Amino acid sequence: MPRRSQQGVTIIELIIVIVIMGFIAGIISTFISRPIEGYINLSQRTTLVYNADNALRRMQRDIRIALPNSVRINTAGNALEIITSVEAMRYRTRPPGDATTRLDFTTADDQFDVFGNFTEIGTLPFTSTTARIAIYNIGAYNFATNPPTPIAGANAYAGVNADGTNVITPPGTTITISDNGDEDHITLNPAFRFTYASPQKRMFIVDTPVSYICDSVSGTLTRYSNYTIQSTQPVPPAVTGTLLAENIQSCAFAYQPGTSQREGIVTLTLRLQTPGKAERIQILHQVHVDNVP
């Protein structure tokens, strides 16, 4: 019986096929690798931008509700602090009404009315020993010192004047706000004398300070709150902070207080870099600050 012919692939043919396939794969990978690499880089940059934008938006919200003239930045430019305001109203200084409804700036006063009703502090009556009232905080500094130090009685960060006056009520003052019809009534215990009257008769209910600290060593941007007002800017405050952003390469904060005719500007610059990668971004954000006290 005749043998059937057998067909197969020789080693030489197999090698030729492998070489051709490798050549084709190399050509294909050249065209595919770059788009894939570009997509990965874009994804990393997008993540950096997203993290930086979220952090800057949070900073912007705090800065815009800050007590006028309470923005301060350390000499290194990596720490920003403000005093947060809860609500602002206009106080009464003239009739109608008796002395209990008008704020007196010539002596320590313990009660007065505000025009309208509070909406942000919650249900009345409201009583607090941690909230404070600030009137006409002009934020004056002594620039003969380095860094400049707050002037007593003219700056919410500083202590009281020799005569006991200040632009903000002392810590521990009991503030009670009650409903008095169309005008809410404020009681201070003990009585207090404010340093200056506001030309616009504006007063602010303020909360604790808030700090943003950039640490290029750990690569973090952290928010600190719920600590007491201090004359010297704490960097960082002695409280537990909340992490806002990671992969921080550096930060640069700057502040131009402006004038009575022009708003102040806070400039925030964040530089972020993906760990172990060359991908980095820099975002600059400016916040207008209404410093009219």
Protein backbone atom coordinates (compact mmCIF):
# COMPACT_ATOMS: atom_id res chain seq x y z
CA MET A 1 0.00 0.00 0.00
CA PRO A 2 1.49 3.35 -0.98
CA ARG A 3 2.27 5.84 1.80
CA ARG A 4 0.25 9.03 2.00
CA SER A 5 2.28 12.18 1.57
CA GLN A 6 2.68 14.14 4.85
CA GLN A 7 2.76 17.97 4.87
CA GLY A 8 4.09 20.11 7.74
CA VAL A 9 5.97 23.26 8.70
CA THR A 10 9.69 23.24 8.75
CA ILE A 11 11.70 24.96 11.46
CA ILE A 12 12.93 27.53 8.96
CA GLU A 13 9.39 28.43 7.96
CA LEU A 14 8.37 28.72 11.61
CA ILE A 15 11.29 31.06 12.32
CA ILE A 16 10.40 33.18 9.32
CA VAL A 17 6.78 33.48 10.55
CA ILE A 18 7.93 34.42 14.07
CA VAL A 19 10.26 37.08 12.69
CA ILE A 20 7.55 38.53 10.47
CA MET A 21 5.00 38.53 13.32
CA GLY A 22 7.51 40.19 15.64
CA PHE A 23 8.21 42.83 13.03
CA ILE A 24 4.50 43.50 12.57
CA ALA A 25 3.93 43.61 16.35
CA GLY A 26 6.76 46.10 16.73
CA ILE A 27 5.25 48.38 14.11
CA ILE A 28 1.79 48.14 15.71
CA SER A 29 3.14 48.76 19.23
CA THR A 30 4.92 51.90 17.99
CA PHE A 31 1.61 53.37 16.86
CA ILE A 32 -0.39 52.16 19.88
CA SER A 33 2.03 52.83 22.74
CA ARG A 34 2.13 56.58 22.27
CA PRO A 35 -1.67 57.07 22.44
CA ILE A 36 -1.81 54.80 25.48
CA GLU A 37 1.04 56.67 27.14
CA GLY A 38 -0.66 59.97 26.30
CA TYR A 39 -3.93 58.74 27.82
CA ILE A 40 -2.17 57.68 31.02
CA ASN A 41 -0.40 61.05 31.30
CA LEU A 42 -3.65 62.91 30.65
CA SER A 43 -5.40 60.85 33.31
CA GLN A 44 -2.68 61.67 35.83
CA ARG A 45 -2.83 65.39 35.00
CA THR A 46 -6.63 65.33 35.28
CA THR A 47 -6.39 63.81 38.75
CA LEU A 48 -3.91 66.48 39.83
CA VAL A 49 -6.11 69.27 38.45
CA TYR A 50 -9.19 67.82 40.13
CA ASN A 51 -7.50 67.61 43.53
CA ALA A 52 -6.04 71.11 43.26
CA ASP A 53 -9.33 72.62 42.09
CA ASN A 54 -11.27 71.07 44.99
CA ALA A 55 -8.75 72.42 47.50
CA LEU A 56 -8.77 75.92 45.98
CA ARG A 57 -12.57 76.06 45.90
CA ARG A 58 -12.70 75.16 49.60
CA MET A 59 -10.18 77.88 50.38
CA GLN A 60 -12.16 80.35 48.28
CA ARG A 61 -15.38 79.64 50.21
CA ASP A 62 -13.68 80.29 53.55
CA ILE A 63 -11.88 83.43 52.37
CA ARG A 64 -15.07 84.99 51.01
CA ILE A 65 -16.90 84.67 54.32
CA ALA A 66 -13.92 85.81 56.38
CA LEU A 67 -14.11 88.72 58.78
CA PRO A 68 -12.93 91.82 56.86
CA ASN A 69 -9.19 92.46 57.28
CA SER A 70 -8.60 89.10 58.95
CA VAL A 71 -6.56 87.48 56.16
CA ARG A 72 -2.94 87.00 57.16
CA ILE A 73 -0.14 85.03 55.53
CA ASN A 74 3.19 84.02 57.04
CA THR A 75 6.49 85.28 55.67
CA ALA A 76 7.21 81.92 53.96
CA GLY A 77 3.97 82.23 51.99
CA ASN A 78 2.87 78.68 52.76
CA ALA A 79 0.33 79.38 55.53
CA LEU A 80 -2.90 81.38 55.30
CA GLU A 81 -5.20 82.24 58.21
CA ILE A 82 -8.59 83.91 58.46
CA ILE A 83 -11.31 84.44 61.06
CA THR A 84 -14.56 82.95 59.79
CA SER A 85 -17.76 84.98 60.07
CA VAL A 86 -21.13 83.36 60.69
CA GLU A 87 -23.38 86.31 59.90
CA ALA A 88 -23.32 90.09 59.51
CA MET A 89 -25.95 92.64 60.53
CA ARG A 90 -26.31 96.40 61.12
CA TYR A 91 -26.56 97.58 64.71
CA ARG A 92 -28.75 100.41 66.02
CA THR A 93 -27.17 103.57 67.44
CA ARG A 94 -30.03 106.06 67.21
CA PRO A 95 -33.68 106.37 68.27
CA PRO A 96 -36.37 105.21 68.21
CA GLY A 97 -36.03 103.07 71.28
CA ASP A 98 -34.31 103.50 74.61
CA ALA A 99 -30.72 102.93 75.72
CA THR A 100 -31.23 99.16 75.75
CA THR A 101 -31.72 99.12 71.97
CA ARG A 102 -28.83 101.40 70.99
CA LEU A 103 -25.14 100.45 71.04
CA ASP A 104 -23.06 102.95 73.01
CA PHE A 105 -19.40 103.39 72.04
CA THR A 106 -18.57 105.83 74.86
CA THR A 107 -18.87 103.24 77.62
CA ALA A 108 -19.11 99.50 78.18
CA ASP A 109 -22.52 98.44 76.86
CA ASP A 110 -24.30 95.16 77.51
CA GLN A 111 -27.21 95.20 75.06
CA PHE A 112 -28.39 96.61 71.75
CA ASP A 113 -30.62 95.87 68.76
CA VAL A 114 -29.79 95.00 65.16
CA PHE A 115 -31.83 95.92 62.12
CA GLY A 116 -33.69 92.83 60.94
CA ASN A 117 -33.45 89.22 62.02
CA PHE A 118 -30.59 86.72 62.04
CA THR A 119 -31.02 83.79 59.66
CA GLU A 120 -27.79 81.78 59.91
CA ILE A 121 -27.29 81.23 63.63
CA GLY A 122 -30.27 78.93 64.14
CA THR A 123 -33.32 79.07 66.36
CA LEU A 124 -33.64 81.99 68.77
CA PRO A 125 -32.92 82.54 71.57
CA PHE A 126 -29.28 81.82 70.78
CA THR A 127 -26.64 81.71 73.52
CA SER A 128 -22.92 81.11 73.06
CA THR A 129 -19.66 81.60 74.92
CA THR A 130 -17.53 80.66 71.89
CA ALA A 131 -19.00 82.94 69.23
CA ARG A 132 -17.71 86.52 69.28
CA ILE A 133 -18.85 89.88 67.93
CA ALA A 134 -16.50 92.05 65.88
CA ILE A 135 -17.12 95.67 64.87
CA TYR A 136 -14.88 97.68 62.54
CA ASN A 137 -11.88 95.37 62.43
CA ILE A 138 -9.42 97.52 60.47
CA GLY A 139 -6.66 94.94 60.74
CA ALA A 140 -3.94 97.44 61.66
CA TYR A 141 -0.37 96.12 61.97
CA ASN A 142 2.86 97.48 63.35
CA PHE A 143 5.16 97.19 60.33
CA ALA A 144 8.21 98.22 62.38
CA THR A 145 8.41 94.60 63.56
CA ASN A 146 9.35 91.59 61.46
CA PRO A 147 6.95 89.97 60.93
CA PRO A 148 4.43 92.80 61.46
CA THR A 149 2.45 92.45 64.69
CA PRO A 150 -1.23 93.32 65.21
CA ILE A 151 -1.92 96.64 66.93
CA ALA A 152 -3.87 96.19 70.16
CA GLY A 153 -7.46 97.33 70.01
CA ALA A 154 -7.45 97.73 66.22
CA ASN A 155 -7.03 94.12 65.12
CA ALA A 156 -9.15 91.09 66.03
CA TYR A 157 -5.97 89.01 66.40
CA ALA A 158 -4.49 91.34 69.04
CA GLY A 159 -5.34 91.97 72.67
CA VAL A 160 -7.29 94.85 74.16
CA ASN A 161 -6.22 98.46 74.50
CA ALA A 162 -5.05 99.86 77.80
CA ASP A 163 -8.58 101.20 78.35
CA GLY A 164 -10.08 97.73 77.83
CA THR A 165 -11.55 98.39 74.39
CA ASN A 166 -11.15 96.18 71.33
CA VAL A 167 -12.73 95.51 67.95
CA ILE A 168 -13.89 92.07 69.11
CA THR A 169 -15.52 90.82 72.29
CA PRO A 170 -13.19 89.02 74.72
CA PRO A 171 -13.12 85.21 74.72
CA GLY A 172 -15.65 83.71 77.10
CA THR A 173 -18.15 86.55 76.73
CA THR A 174 -21.70 85.19 76.86
CA ILE A 175 -23.59 86.37 73.79
CA THR A 176 -27.37 86.00 73.82
CA ILE A 177 -29.52 86.83 70.80
CA SER A 178 -33.29 87.00 71.26
CA ASP A 179 -36.23 87.77 69.03
CA ASN A 180 -37.42 91.36 69.46
CA GLY A 181 -39.89 91.51 66.62
CA ASP A 182 -38.49 93.20 63.53
CA GLU A 183 -35.18 93.77 65.33
CA ASP A 184 -33.26 91.03 67.11
CA HIS A 185 -31.77 91.92 70.50
CA ILE A 186 -28.18 91.15 71.58
CA THR A 187 -27.02 90.91 75.19
CA LEU A 188 -23.35 90.77 76.25
CA ASN A 189 -22.23 89.41 79.62
CA PRO A 190 -20.06 91.07 80.79
CA ALA A 191 -20.62 94.45 79.17
CA PHE A 192 -18.02 95.54 76.63
CA ARG A 193 -16.88 98.70 74.89
CA PHE A 194 -15.90 98.45 71.22
CA THR A 195 -12.96 100.55 70.04
CA TYR A 196 -14.53 102.06 66.94
CA ALA A 197 -17.96 102.61 65.48
CA SER A 198 -18.42 101.31 61.95
CA PRO A 199 -19.35 104.01 59.41
CA GLN A 200 -21.76 101.47 57.88
CA LYS A 201 -22.88 100.27 61.34
CA ARG A 202 -21.82 96.73 60.44
CA MET A 203 -21.22 94.01 63.01
CA PHE A 204 -20.12 90.41 62.51
CA ILE A 205 -20.79 87.23 64.45
CA VAL A 206 -17.50 85.34 64.11
CA ASP A 207 -16.41 81.81 64.82
CA THR A 208 -12.92 80.35 65.25
CA PRO A 209 -9.95 81.02 62.97
CA VAL A 210 -9.21 78.74 60.03
CA SER A 211 -5.70 78.01 58.73
CA TYR A 212 -4.45 76.40 55.53
CA ILE A 213 -0.93 75.02 55.84
CA CYS A 214 1.09 73.75 52.89
CA ASP A 215 3.85 71.25 53.74
CA SER A 216 6.10 70.57 50.77
CA VAL A 217 8.03 67.93 52.74
CA SER A 218 5.00 65.68 53.29
CA GLY A 219 3.37 66.97 50.10
CA THR A 220 0.11 67.93 51.80
CA LEU A 221 -2.29 70.86 52.10
CA THR A 222 -4.17 70.77 55.41
CA ARG A 223 -7.07 72.78 56.84
CA TYR A 224 -7.14 73.57 60.58
CA SER A 225 -10.08 74.97 62.57
CA ASN A 226 -11.62 75.06 66.06
CA TYR A 227 -8.75 76.78 67.82
CA THR A 228 -8.52 80.10 69.63
CA ILE A 229 -7.58 83.45 68.11
CA GLN A 230 -3.88 84.16 68.71
CA SER A 231 -1.83 87.30 68.22
CA THR A 232 0.96 85.35 66.50
CA GLN A 233 -0.01 83.24 63.49
CA PRO A 234 0.29 79.56 64.48
CA VAL A 235 1.97 77.39 61.83
CA PRO A 236 0.44 74.89 62.25
CA PRO A 237 -2.17 75.31 65.02
CA ALA A 238 -2.11 72.80 67.87
CA VAL A 239 -5.22 70.94 66.65
CA THR A 240 -5.90 68.04 64.33
CA GLY A 241 -6.26 69.19 60.75
CA THR A 242 -8.22 67.92 57.77
CA LEU A 243 -6.24 66.82 54.71
CA LEU A 244 -7.33 68.71 51.58
CA ALA A 245 -4.81 67.66 48.96
CA GLU A 246 -1.79 65.40 48.51
CA ASN A 247 1.12 65.33 46.05
CA ILE A 248 1.79 69.00 46.77
CA GLN A 249 5.17 70.06 45.44
CA SER A 250 4.94 73.65 46.69
CA CYS A 251 2.49 76.43 47.53
CA ALA A 252 2.63 80.21 47.29
CA PHE A 253 0.04 82.37 49.06
CA ALA A 254 -0.01 86.16 48.69
CA TYR A 255 -2.34 88.90 49.90
CA GLN A 256 -2.92 92.46 48.73
CA PRO A 257 -5.28 94.12 51.24
CA GLY A 258 -6.46 96.79 48.78
CA THR A 259 -7.92 100.15 49.82
CA SER A 260 -11.26 101.60 50.85
CA GLN A 261 -12.01 101.99 47.12
CA ARG A 262 -10.62 98.66 45.92
CA GLU A 263 -11.15 95.09 47.08
CA GLY A 264 -8.29 93.03 48.42
CA ILE A 265 -6.96 90.05 46.47
CA VAL A 266 -5.70 86.74 47.77
CA THR A 267 -3.53 84.87 45.26
CA LEU A 268 -3.24 81.12 45.71
CA THR A 269 -0.73 79.06 43.73
CA LEU A 270 -0.51 75.27 44.00
CA ARG A 271 2.03 73.02 42.30
CA LEU A 272 1.30 69.29 42.26
CA GLN A 273 3.27 66.34 40.89
CA THR A 274 2.42 62.68 40.47
CA PRO A 275 4.72 60.61 42.74
CA GLY A 276 7.56 59.08 40.76
CA LYS A 277 6.32 60.59 37.53
CA ALA A 278 7.18 63.65 35.49
CA GLU A 279 3.57 64.80 35.35
CA ARG A 280 3.10 68.10 37.19
CA ILE A 281 0.69 71.01 37.12
CA GLN A 282 0.54 74.54 38.49
CA ILE A 283 -2.77 76.26 39.22
CA LEU A 284 -3.16 79.92 40.14
CA HIS A 285 -6.40 81.16 41.69
CA GLN A 286 -7.30 84.66 42.85
CA VAL A 287 -10.05 85.52 45.34
CA HIS A 288 -11.48 89.01 45.76
CA VAL A 289 -11.91 90.03 49.39
CA ASP A 290 -14.39 92.66 50.56
CA ASN A 291 -12.45 94.34 53.36
CA VAL A 292 -14.99 97.05 54.18
CA PRO A 293 -15.49 96.58 57.91
